[in-house]
N, C-alpha and C. Protein backbone atom coordinates (compact mmCIF):
# COMPACT_ATOMS: atom_id res chain seq x y z
N MET A 1 84.99 37.08 186.49
CA MET A 1 85.14 36.11 187.11
C MET A 1 84.47 34.97 186.22
N PRO A 2 85.21 33.57 186.18
CA PRO A 2 84.67 32.66 184.96
C PRO A 2 83.32 32.15 185.44
N LYS A 3 82.38 31.83 184.45
CA LYS A 3 80.98 31.51 184.98
C LYS A 3 81.49 29.84 185.21
N VAL A 4 80.39 29.29 186.53
CA VAL A 4 80.85 28.05 186.64
C VAL A 4 79.64 27.33 186.45
N LEU A 5 79.57 26.22 185.42
CA LEU A 5 78.50 25.23 185.31
C LEU A 5 78.51 24.54 186.34
N ARG A 6 77.02 24.47 186.78
CA ARG A 6 76.66 23.69 188.15
C ARG A 6 75.05 22.69 187.30
N LYS A 7 75.23 21.78 187.70
CA LYS A 7 74.77 20.36 187.14
C LYS A 7 73.54 20.93 188.43
N PRO A 8 71.95 20.43 187.69
CA PRO A 8 71.27 20.40 188.23
C PRO A 8 71.00 19.16 189.59
N LEU A 9 70.70 19.59 190.66
CA LEU A 9 70.34 18.77 192.06
C LEU A 9 69.24 17.23 191.41
N PRO A 10 69.59 15.83 191.50
CA PRO A 10 68.37 15.08 191.14
C PRO A 10 67.44 15.61 191.92
N PRO A 11 66.34 14.83 191.66
CA PRO A 11 65.02 15.35 192.29
C PRO A 11 65.22 14.52 193.70
N VAL A 12 64.37 15.16 194.76
CA VAL A 12 64.32 14.56 195.91
C VAL A 12 63.36 13.33 195.91
N VAL A 13 63.71 12.03 196.56
CA VAL A 13 63.09 10.94 196.69
C VAL A 13 62.05 11.07 197.49
N THR A 14 60.78 10.98 197.40
CA THR A 14 59.76 10.73 198.39
C THR A 14 59.28 9.78 198.57
N GLU A 15 59.86 8.28 197.66
CA GLU A 15 59.02 7.16 198.37
C GLU A 15 60.16 6.28 198.82
N LEU A 16 59.80 5.42 200.22
CA LEU A 16 60.61 4.24 200.41
C LEU A 16 60.95 3.36 199.33
N PRO A 17 61.75 3.02 199.39
CA PRO A 17 62.39 1.76 198.78
C PRO A 17 61.55 0.41 199.06
N PRO A 18 60.72 -0.51 198.19
CA PRO A 18 60.22 -1.45 198.86
C PRO A 18 60.85 -2.18 200.03
N PRO A 19 59.69 -2.97 200.53
CA PRO A 19 60.57 -3.38 201.70
C PRO A 19 61.39 -4.63 201.61
N VAL A 20 62.30 -5.40 201.82
CA VAL A 20 62.75 -6.27 202.35
C VAL A 20 61.74 -7.02 202.39
N VAL A 21 61.76 -8.54 201.12
CA VAL A 21 60.81 -9.61 201.81
C VAL A 21 61.31 -10.32 203.18
N ASP A 22 60.26 -10.54 203.90
CA ASP A 22 60.20 -11.13 205.29
C ASP A 22 60.29 -12.50 204.95
N ILE A 23 61.55 -13.07 205.48
CA ILE A 23 61.39 -14.65 205.50
C ILE A 23 60.95 -15.59 206.55
N ILE A 24 60.31 -14.34 207.55
CA ILE A 24 59.64 -15.34 208.80
C ILE A 24 57.78 -15.05 208.85
N THR A 25 57.96 -16.25 208.64
CA THR A 25 56.64 -17.01 208.15
C THR A 25 55.41 -16.43 209.60
N GLU A 26 54.37 -16.57 209.02
CA GLU A 26 53.10 -16.17 209.93
C GLU A 26 53.01 -17.37 210.95
N PRO A 27 52.71 -17.22 212.22
CA PRO A 27 52.03 -18.14 213.30
C PRO A 27 51.25 -19.22 213.04
N ILE A 28 51.37 -19.94 213.39
CA ILE A 28 50.04 -20.76 213.17
C ILE A 28 49.34 -20.84 214.87
N LEU A 29 48.04 -20.72 214.18
CA LEU A 29 47.16 -20.69 215.41
C LEU A 29 46.49 -22.07 215.61
N LYS A 30 45.86 -22.17 216.84
CA LYS A 30 45.75 -23.93 216.83
C LYS A 30 45.07 -23.27 218.31
N SER A 31 44.02 -24.41 218.69
CA SER A 31 43.52 -24.55 219.68
C SER A 31 42.53 -25.86 220.02
N GLY A 32 42.32 -26.61 220.81
CA GLY A 32 42.11 -28.13 220.84
C GLY A 32 42.07 -28.58 222.51
N SER A 33 41.58 -29.86 222.67
CA SER A 33 41.76 -30.15 223.65
C SER A 33 42.64 -31.21 223.88
N LEU A 34 43.57 -31.09 225.16
CA LEU A 34 44.72 -32.15 225.57
C LEU A 34 44.44 -32.34 226.91
N LYS A 35 45.26 -33.54 227.29
CA LYS A 35 45.25 -34.28 228.62
C LYS A 35 46.55 -33.51 229.46
N LYS A 36 46.03 -32.89 230.01
CA LYS A 36 47.71 -32.37 230.91
C LYS A 36 47.32 -32.89 232.58
N GLN A 37 49.38 -33.46 232.71
CA GLN A 37 49.39 -34.29 233.89
C GLN A 37 49.07 -33.37 234.94
N ASN A 38 48.94 -33.20 236.06
CA ASN A 38 48.82 -32.50 237.04
C ASN A 38 50.49 -33.07 238.10
N PRO A 39 51.54 -31.94 237.64
CA PRO A 39 52.81 -32.45 238.38
C PRO A 39 53.04 -32.30 240.14
N ARG A 40 52.16 -32.13 240.50
CA ARG A 40 52.24 -31.79 241.83
C ARG A 40 51.81 -33.28 242.85
N GLY A 41 50.72 -34.27 241.81
CA GLY A 41 50.58 -35.74 242.61
C GLY A 41 51.31 -36.30 243.13
N PHE A 42 50.62 -36.76 244.63
CA PHE A 42 51.94 -36.93 245.38
C PHE A 42 52.39 -38.96 245.10
N LEU A 43 51.23 -39.06 245.09
CA LEU A 43 50.99 -40.68 245.07
C LEU A 43 50.81 -41.61 243.67
N ARG A 44 49.64 -40.15 242.93
CA ARG A 44 49.05 -40.66 241.64
C ARG A 44 49.12 -39.23 240.83
N LYS A 45 49.62 -39.08 239.73
CA LYS A 45 49.74 -38.01 238.75
C LYS A 45 48.51 -38.24 238.18
N THR A 46 47.21 -37.44 238.09
CA THR A 46 46.31 -37.08 237.43
C THR A 46 46.36 -36.77 236.31
N TRP A 47 45.35 -37.08 235.03
CA TRP A 47 45.20 -36.32 233.77
C TRP A 47 43.95 -35.34 233.47
N LYS A 48 44.12 -34.41 233.70
CA LYS A 48 42.79 -33.37 233.51
C LYS A 48 42.99 -33.11 232.07
N THR A 49 41.58 -32.77 231.70
CA THR A 49 41.59 -32.36 230.00
C THR A 49 41.36 -31.00 229.95
N ARG A 50 42.22 -30.19 229.51
CA ARG A 50 42.32 -28.54 229.40
C ARG A 50 42.27 -28.31 228.18
N ARG A 51 41.26 -27.24 227.84
CA ARG A 51 41.28 -26.53 226.09
C ARG A 51 43.01 -25.70 226.08
N PHE A 52 43.46 -25.91 225.27
CA PHE A 52 44.94 -25.51 224.88
C PHE A 52 44.92 -24.25 223.68
N GLU A 53 45.54 -23.41 223.83
CA GLU A 53 45.59 -22.10 222.49
C GLU A 53 46.91 -22.02 222.03
N LEU A 54 47.37 -21.84 221.07
CA LEU A 54 48.67 -21.53 220.90
C LEU A 54 48.60 -20.31 219.92
N ASP A 55 48.87 -19.10 219.73
CA ASP A 55 49.09 -18.11 219.20
C ASP A 55 51.12 -17.82 218.93
N GLY A 56 50.95 -16.50 217.70
CA GLY A 56 52.27 -16.18 217.97
C GLY A 56 53.18 -15.86 218.90
N SER A 57 52.58 -15.97 220.37
CA SER A 57 53.49 -15.32 221.64
C SER A 57 53.39 -16.12 222.27
N THR A 58 51.83 -17.15 222.92
CA THR A 58 51.65 -17.36 223.96
C THR A 58 50.74 -19.17 223.63
N PHE A 59 50.73 -19.48 224.96
CA PHE A 59 50.91 -21.08 224.89
C PHE A 59 49.90 -20.95 225.84
N THR A 60 48.69 -20.94 226.11
CA THR A 60 47.42 -20.88 227.35
C THR A 60 46.84 -22.03 227.29
N TYR A 61 46.37 -22.28 228.57
CA TYR A 61 45.09 -23.35 228.57
C TYR A 61 44.28 -22.89 229.88
N PHE A 62 43.04 -23.07 229.24
CA PHE A 62 42.07 -23.41 230.44
C PHE A 62 41.37 -24.58 230.79
N ASP A 63 40.38 -24.19 231.85
CA ASP A 63 39.68 -25.07 232.70
C ASP A 63 38.53 -25.37 231.23
N GLU A 64 38.38 -27.00 230.97
CA GLU A 64 37.51 -26.98 229.92
C GLU A 64 36.46 -27.37 230.59
N GLN A 65 36.10 -27.66 232.15
CA GLN A 65 35.11 -27.85 232.48
C GLN A 65 33.77 -26.26 232.60
N SER A 66 34.18 -25.45 232.55
CA SER A 66 33.43 -24.09 232.54
C SER A 66 32.16 -24.39 231.57
N LYS A 67 31.48 -23.32 232.16
CA LYS A 67 29.76 -23.68 231.10
C LYS A 67 29.92 -23.69 230.17
N SER A 68 30.77 -21.98 229.90
CA SER A 68 30.09 -21.80 228.54
C SER A 68 32.05 -21.03 227.96
N ALA A 69 31.95 -20.81 226.73
CA ALA A 69 33.10 -20.56 226.04
C ALA A 69 33.44 -19.15 226.57
N ASP A 70 32.14 -18.47 226.72
CA ASP A 70 32.18 -17.02 227.09
C ASP A 70 33.30 -16.64 228.57
N THR A 71 32.93 -17.60 229.29
CA THR A 71 33.72 -17.63 230.68
C THR A 71 34.85 -18.06 231.04
N LEU A 72 35.24 -18.69 229.84
CA LEU A 72 36.33 -19.52 229.86
C LEU A 72 37.60 -18.42 230.12
N LYS A 73 38.14 -18.73 231.52
CA LYS A 73 39.35 -18.25 232.26
C LYS A 73 40.63 -19.00 231.76
N PRO A 74 41.75 -18.15 231.40
CA PRO A 74 43.21 -18.53 231.55
C PRO A 74 43.40 -19.40 232.82
N LEU A 75 43.98 -20.46 232.62
CA LEU A 75 44.67 -21.22 234.00
C LEU A 75 46.03 -21.03 234.14
N ARG A 76 46.58 -20.61 233.02
CA ARG A 76 48.24 -20.15 232.71
C ARG A 76 48.13 -19.95 231.60
N ILE A 77 48.91 -18.83 231.41
CA ILE A 77 49.55 -18.22 229.94
C ILE A 77 50.93 -18.49 229.78
N VAL A 78 51.78 -18.90 228.88
CA VAL A 78 52.88 -19.32 228.80
C VAL A 78 53.62 -18.37 228.01
N ASN A 79 54.32 -17.49 227.99
CA ASN A 79 55.31 -16.77 227.05
C ASN A 79 56.29 -17.67 226.15
N LEU A 80 55.70 -17.62 224.76
CA LEU A 80 56.89 -18.60 224.20
C LEU A 80 58.35 -18.16 224.57
N ALA A 81 58.59 -17.36 225.21
CA ALA A 81 59.90 -16.42 225.38
C ALA A 81 60.49 -17.80 226.69
N ASN A 82 59.42 -18.15 227.61
CA ASN A 82 59.75 -18.71 228.56
C ASN A 82 59.72 -20.47 227.70
N ILE A 83 59.44 -20.87 226.66
CA ILE A 83 59.81 -22.34 226.35
C ILE A 83 60.77 -22.45 226.01
N LYS A 84 61.24 -24.01 226.35
CA LYS A 84 63.04 -24.26 225.91
C LYS A 84 62.93 -25.08 224.94
N GLU A 85 61.36 -26.62 224.87
CA GLU A 85 61.95 -27.62 224.20
C GLU A 85 60.77 -28.63 224.16
N VAL A 86 60.06 -28.53 222.80
CA VAL A 86 58.70 -29.18 222.96
C VAL A 86 59.57 -30.57 222.39
N HIS A 87 59.01 -32.07 222.43
CA HIS A 87 59.52 -33.03 222.13
C HIS A 87 58.32 -34.10 222.62
N GLN A 88 58.59 -35.59 221.77
CA GLN A 88 57.49 -36.47 222.23
C GLN A 88 58.03 -37.15 224.00
N SER A 89 57.64 -37.26 224.74
CA SER A 89 58.37 -37.54 225.97
C SER A 89 58.57 -39.20 226.21
N GLY A 90 58.28 -39.85 224.90
CA GLY A 90 59.25 -41.24 225.26
C GLY A 90 58.19 -42.40 225.82
N ARG A 91 57.29 -41.91 226.60
CA ARG A 91 56.14 -42.88 227.06
C ARG A 91 55.31 -43.55 226.31
N ALA A 92 54.66 -42.34 225.29
CA ALA A 92 53.13 -43.24 224.75
C ALA A 92 53.45 -42.03 222.95
N ALA A 93 52.97 -42.63 222.36
CA ALA A 93 53.13 -41.67 221.31
C ALA A 93 52.62 -40.30 220.97
N THR A 94 51.18 -40.82 221.94
CA THR A 94 50.43 -39.44 222.06
C THR A 94 50.87 -38.52 222.92
N ASP A 95 51.82 -38.77 223.94
CA ASP A 95 52.21 -38.00 224.83
C ASP A 95 53.59 -36.68 224.30
N PHE A 96 53.28 -36.01 224.75
CA PHE A 96 54.61 -34.91 224.64
C PHE A 96 54.84 -33.87 225.61
N GLU A 97 56.14 -33.18 225.59
CA GLU A 97 56.42 -32.16 226.69
C GLU A 97 56.92 -30.99 226.58
N VAL A 98 56.69 -30.33 226.75
CA VAL A 98 56.66 -28.85 226.93
C VAL A 98 57.39 -27.94 227.85
N LEU A 99 59.29 -28.24 227.65
CA LEU A 99 59.91 -27.81 228.63
C LEU A 99 60.01 -26.60 228.89
N THR A 100 60.13 -25.68 230.35
CA THR A 100 60.27 -24.34 229.99
C THR A 100 61.24 -24.14 230.61
N ASN A 101 61.42 -22.50 231.03
CA ASN A 101 62.84 -21.87 232.17
C ASN A 101 61.70 -21.35 233.35
N ILE A 102 60.57 -21.53 233.27
CA ILE A 102 59.95 -21.51 234.44
C ILE A 102 59.92 -22.68 235.88
N PHE A 103 60.43 -21.61 236.96
CA PHE A 103 60.63 -22.79 238.01
C PHE A 103 59.52 -23.01 238.79
N MET A 104 59.32 -24.25 239.24
CA MET A 104 58.25 -24.48 240.41
C MET A 104 58.77 -24.54 241.74
N GLU A 105 58.09 -24.60 242.68
CA GLU A 105 58.16 -24.48 244.63
C GLU A 105 59.56 -25.50 244.64
N ASN A 106 59.76 -26.49 244.03
CA ASN A 106 60.84 -26.96 244.70
C ASN A 106 61.99 -26.86 243.80
N GLY A 107 62.09 -25.94 242.76
CA GLY A 107 63.28 -25.41 242.34
C GLY A 107 63.42 -26.29 241.01
N GLN A 108 62.33 -26.88 240.65
CA GLN A 108 62.74 -28.04 239.46
C GLN A 108 62.45 -27.41 238.24
N PRO A 109 62.80 -27.43 236.86
CA PRO A 109 61.78 -26.67 236.01
C PRO A 109 60.41 -26.85 235.29
N ARG A 110 59.87 -26.51 235.39
CA ARG A 110 58.21 -26.47 235.14
C ARG A 110 58.22 -27.60 233.72
N VAL A 111 57.66 -29.00 233.74
CA VAL A 111 57.58 -29.44 232.01
C VAL A 111 56.00 -29.85 232.42
N TYR A 112 55.60 -29.59 230.88
CA TYR A 112 54.08 -29.56 230.86
C TYR A 112 54.23 -30.90 230.23
N LEU A 113 53.34 -32.28 231.05
CA LEU A 113 53.42 -33.34 230.13
C LEU A 113 51.95 -33.31 229.46
N LEU A 114 51.86 -33.26 228.12
CA LEU A 114 50.34 -33.47 227.66
C LEU A 114 50.04 -34.62 226.78
N GLN A 115 48.99 -34.88 226.47
CA GLN A 115 48.60 -36.03 225.73
C GLN A 115 47.33 -36.01 224.85
N ALA A 116 47.75 -36.02 223.44
CA ALA A 116 46.58 -35.88 222.39
C ALA A 116 45.61 -36.72 222.42
N THR A 117 44.99 -37.27 221.67
CA THR A 117 43.72 -38.11 221.46
C THR A 117 44.92 -39.15 220.47
N ASP A 118 45.56 -38.98 219.70
CA ASP A 118 46.31 -39.71 218.61
C ASP A 118 47.65 -39.04 218.32
N GLU A 119 48.55 -40.15 218.03
CA GLU A 119 49.95 -39.72 217.73
C GLU A 119 49.73 -38.35 216.64
N ALA A 120 48.98 -38.45 215.46
CA ALA A 120 48.98 -37.60 214.52
C ALA A 120 48.50 -36.06 215.42
N GLN A 121 47.62 -35.91 215.99
CA GLN A 121 47.17 -34.88 216.61
C GLN A 121 48.88 -34.59 217.31
N ALA A 122 49.31 -35.23 218.36
CA ALA A 122 50.12 -34.72 219.00
C ALA A 122 51.32 -34.21 218.16
N GLN A 123 51.58 -34.96 216.91
CA GLN A 123 52.72 -34.33 216.07
C GLN A 123 52.16 -33.15 215.60
N GLU A 124 50.96 -32.30 215.85
CA GLU A 124 51.25 -31.65 215.04
C GLU A 124 50.87 -30.34 215.65
N TRP A 125 50.84 -30.83 217.12
CA TRP A 125 50.96 -29.77 218.59
C TRP A 125 52.36 -29.52 218.52
N ILE A 126 53.50 -30.53 218.47
CA ILE A 126 54.78 -30.38 218.56
C ILE A 126 54.94 -29.50 217.72
N ASP A 127 55.03 -29.91 216.60
CA ASP A 127 54.85 -29.28 215.09
C ASP A 127 54.66 -27.76 215.07
N ALA A 128 53.46 -27.35 215.76
CA ALA A 128 52.89 -25.99 215.56
C ALA A 128 53.61 -25.50 216.74
N ILE A 129 53.86 -26.05 217.56
CA ILE A 129 54.60 -24.77 219.02
C ILE A 129 56.24 -24.84 218.73
N ASN A 130 56.81 -25.75 217.93
CA ASN A 130 58.20 -25.54 217.29
C ASN A 130 58.10 -24.33 216.16
N HIS A 131 57.62 -24.65 215.58
CA HIS A 131 56.80 -23.26 214.06
C HIS A 131 56.96 -22.13 215.44
N ASN A 132 56.08 -21.89 215.79
CA ASN A 132 56.06 -20.54 216.52
C ASN A 132 56.84 -20.33 217.34
N LEU A 133 57.60 -21.24 218.41
CA LEU A 133 59.02 -21.07 219.17
C LEU A 133 60.05 -20.63 218.07
N SER A 134 60.49 -20.95 216.73
CA SER A 134 61.14 -20.71 215.82
C SER A 134 61.33 -19.27 215.66
N ARG A 135 59.92 -18.90 215.01
CA ARG A 135 59.50 -17.70 214.62
C ARG A 135 59.75 -16.93 215.74
N TYR A 136 59.20 -17.04 216.82
CA TYR A 136 59.31 -16.11 218.15
C TYR A 136 61.03 -15.59 218.42
N LYS A 137 61.52 -16.52 218.39
CA LYS A 137 63.05 -16.49 218.26
C LYS A 137 63.51 -15.35 217.34
N ALA A 138 63.47 -15.56 215.86
CA ALA A 138 63.39 -15.09 214.81
C ALA A 138 63.36 -13.62 215.12
N LEU A 139 61.89 -13.49 215.28
CA LEU A 139 61.76 -11.72 215.44
C LEU A 139 62.28 -11.13 216.50
N LEU A 140 62.65 -11.89 217.78
CA LEU A 140 63.41 -11.20 218.67
C LEU A 140 64.42 -10.84 218.13
N ARG A 141 65.51 -11.88 217.73
CA ARG A 141 66.66 -11.67 216.93
C ARG A 141 66.80 -10.48 216.19
N ARG A 142 66.01 -10.48 215.46
CA ARG A 142 65.74 -9.16 213.91
C ARG A 142 65.56 -7.79 215.40
N GLU A 143 64.86 -8.04 215.80
CA GLU A 143 64.26 -6.83 216.72
C GLU A 143 66.00 -6.27 217.52
N ARG A 144 66.77 -7.70 218.20
CA ARG A 144 68.02 -7.11 218.69
C ARG A 144 68.96 -6.60 217.67
N SER A 145 69.09 -7.02 216.21
CA SER A 145 69.95 -6.15 215.58
C SER A 145 69.51 -5.19 215.02
N LEU A 146 68.15 -4.49 214.60
CA LEU A 146 67.77 -3.89 214.39
C LEU A 146 67.83 -2.44 215.34
N ARG A 147 67.90 -2.86 216.66
CA ARG A 147 67.96 -1.99 217.98
C ARG A 147 70.04 -1.78 218.14
N GLY A 148 70.77 -2.56 217.13
CA GLY A 148 71.93 -2.46 217.66
C GLY A 148 72.63 -3.19 218.43
N PHE A 149 71.76 -4.32 218.91
CA PHE A 149 72.27 -5.30 219.73
C PHE A 149 72.97 -6.44 219.02
N SER A 150 74.24 -6.86 219.51
CA SER A 150 74.81 -8.11 219.00
C SER A 150 74.68 -9.51 219.34
N GLU A 151 74.51 -10.01 218.81
CA GLU A 151 74.01 -11.34 219.53
C GLU A 151 74.95 -12.13 221.17
N PRO A 152 74.26 -12.79 221.83
CA PRO A 152 74.96 -12.85 223.08
C PRO A 152 75.83 -14.20 222.50
N PRO A 153 77.48 -14.30 222.78
CA PRO A 153 78.38 -15.22 222.35
C PRO A 153 77.93 -16.75 222.42
N THR A 154 78.10 -17.47 221.58
CA THR A 154 78.00 -19.06 221.59
C THR A 154 78.97 -19.20 222.79
N PRO A 155 78.66 -20.35 223.84
CA PRO A 155 79.12 -20.79 224.52
C PRO A 155 79.96 -21.78 223.72
N GLN A 156 81.47 -22.28 223.87
CA GLN A 156 82.08 -22.65 223.42
C GLN A 156 82.59 -23.81 224.56
N ASN A 157 82.59 -25.25 223.53
CA ASN A 157 82.78 -26.75 224.49
C ASN A 157 84.25 -26.94 224.31
N ASP A 158 85.25 -26.94 225.17
CA ASP A 158 86.52 -27.26 224.85
C ASP A 158 87.09 -28.41 225.72
């Protein structure tokens, strides 16, 4: 029987390849006081000062009348998945709107009308929320693709 020459097997790779560069940026963490309009005012919609915090997945506001920072309890926590759009309201340069897909008792979508102390602060909040919203949606898309789900079909305007 002829002798079969076999090549030695290559060594087993025990190290993982370097990770793909992640183009998803870090979230912007922001907190501060803004005025929020009460949407349920019958004759006069009042403005109340609230403490707002933005992180990588939520937009939260607190009652600023609390005695100390330790006792702050959130009045509302809005998941970024529930925010559709953020833009200036068109009323004043310091006002901006956060449109959500959360519905109120009357069936209307919940819109947060917020007011900053100046135009620059309003634009900082708009940019920060939009940045975190884009980042959050990119993370969701990546998670869906890693799990093998395809993107939902894009509606066609005929």
